Amino acid sequence: MSHGGWFFRLIEQDDGSWHFYRGLSLQSRHTTLDDARTRAVTMAEDYRPSTVFSHHLDGRIDTVATFAAE
C-alpha cells in the first residue's frame, strides 16, 4: 500500500442518525451508532492499516478501532 492507511468515520447527524464514510466517500447511513460501528469495523478489518473514528455532535472524537497492517 502506498499510503499510510484508511480512515473510516462515523459522523453523528442532527437527527441522531449516523453516516459512515470511508475516506471522503459516504458508504452508508444508520439509525444507531451500534449499527454504524459494526459496519465500519467489519469493513476496516479488510482495509488494513486502518482506523475507525466516531465524530459526535458535542465535538468529541473517539477512536473506535485500529487495525495494523498484516
Protein backbone atom coordinates (compact mmCIF):
# COMPACT_ATOMS: atom_id res chain seq x y z
CA MET A 1 0.00 0.00 0.00
CA SER A 2 1.41 3.35 -0.96
CA HIS A 3 -0.43 5.45 1.62
CA GLY A 4 -0.42 5.40 5.42
CA GLY A 5 -3.77 3.71 5.84
CA TRP A 6 -7.52 4.19 5.64
CA PHE A 7 -9.68 6.39 7.82
CA PHE A 8 -13.24 5.29 8.49
CA ARG A 9 -15.50 7.87 10.09
CA LEU A 10 -18.86 7.68 11.80
CA ILE A 11 -20.48 11.12 11.76
CA GLU A 12 -23.44 11.86 14.04
CA GLN A 13 -26.26 13.76 12.31
CA ASP A 14 -28.66 16.34 13.75
CA ASP A 15 -31.47 13.76 13.82
CA GLY A 16 -29.36 11.29 15.84
CA SER A 17 -28.58 9.01 12.89
CA TRP A 18 -25.04 8.18 11.78
CA HIS A 19 -23.31 8.42 8.41
CA PHE A 20 -20.42 6.09 7.70
CA TYR A 21 -17.57 7.32 5.46
CA ARG A 22 -14.53 5.55 4.05
CA GLY A 23 -12.20 8.43 3.33
CA LEU A 24 -14.40 11.07 1.69
CA SER A 25 -16.91 8.56 0.30
CA LEU A 26 -20.27 8.04 2.03
CA GLN A 27 -20.69 4.29 2.44
CA SER A 28 -23.98 4.00 4.36
CA ARG A 29 -26.47 5.61 6.74
CA HIS A 30 -27.55 4.07 10.05
CA THR A 31 -30.17 4.80 12.69
CA THR A 32 -27.87 3.83 15.58
CA LEU A 33 -24.20 4.18 16.42
CA ASP A 34 -24.01 0.45 17.14
CA ASP A 35 -25.16 -0.42 13.61
CA ALA A 36 -22.76 2.10 12.07
CA ARG A 37 -19.89 0.87 14.25
CA THR A 38 -20.48 -2.75 13.26
CA ARG A 39 -20.45 -1.88 9.55
CA ALA A 40 -17.35 0.31 9.83
CA VAL A 41 -15.30 -2.13 11.89
CA THR A 42 -16.17 -5.01 9.56
CA MET A 43 -15.02 -3.01 6.54
CA ALA A 44 -11.94 -1.57 8.28
CA GLU A 45 -10.66 -5.08 9.04
CA ASP A 46 -10.39 -5.64 5.27
CA TYR A 47 -8.53 -2.35 4.59
CA ARG A 48 -5.52 -2.59 6.88
CA PRO A 49 -3.88 -0.47 8.12
CA SER A 50 -7.00 1.43 9.16
CA THR A 51 -8.61 3.39 11.97
CA VAL A 52 -12.30 3.94 12.75
CA PHE A 53 -13.35 7.21 14.44
CA SER A 54 -16.74 8.42 15.71
CA HIS A 55 -17.46 12.15 15.50
CA HIS A 56 -20.18 13.28 17.91
CA LEU A 57 -22.28 16.43 17.70
CA ASP A 58 -20.84 17.66 21.02
CA GLY A 59 -17.37 17.79 19.42
CA ARG A 60 -15.97 14.53 20.82
CA ILE A 61 -13.94 12.30 18.53
CA ASP A 62 -13.48 8.74 19.74
CA THR A 63 -11.18 6.09 18.30
CA VAL A 64 -13.44 3.07 17.82
CA ALA A 65 -10.91 0.60 16.39
CA THR A 66 -7.42 0.45 14.91
CA PHE A 67 -6.13 -2.34 12.65
CA ALA A 68 -2.42 -2.75 11.92
CA ALA A 69 -1.07 -3.90 8.58
CA GLU A 70 -0.82 -7.63 8.27
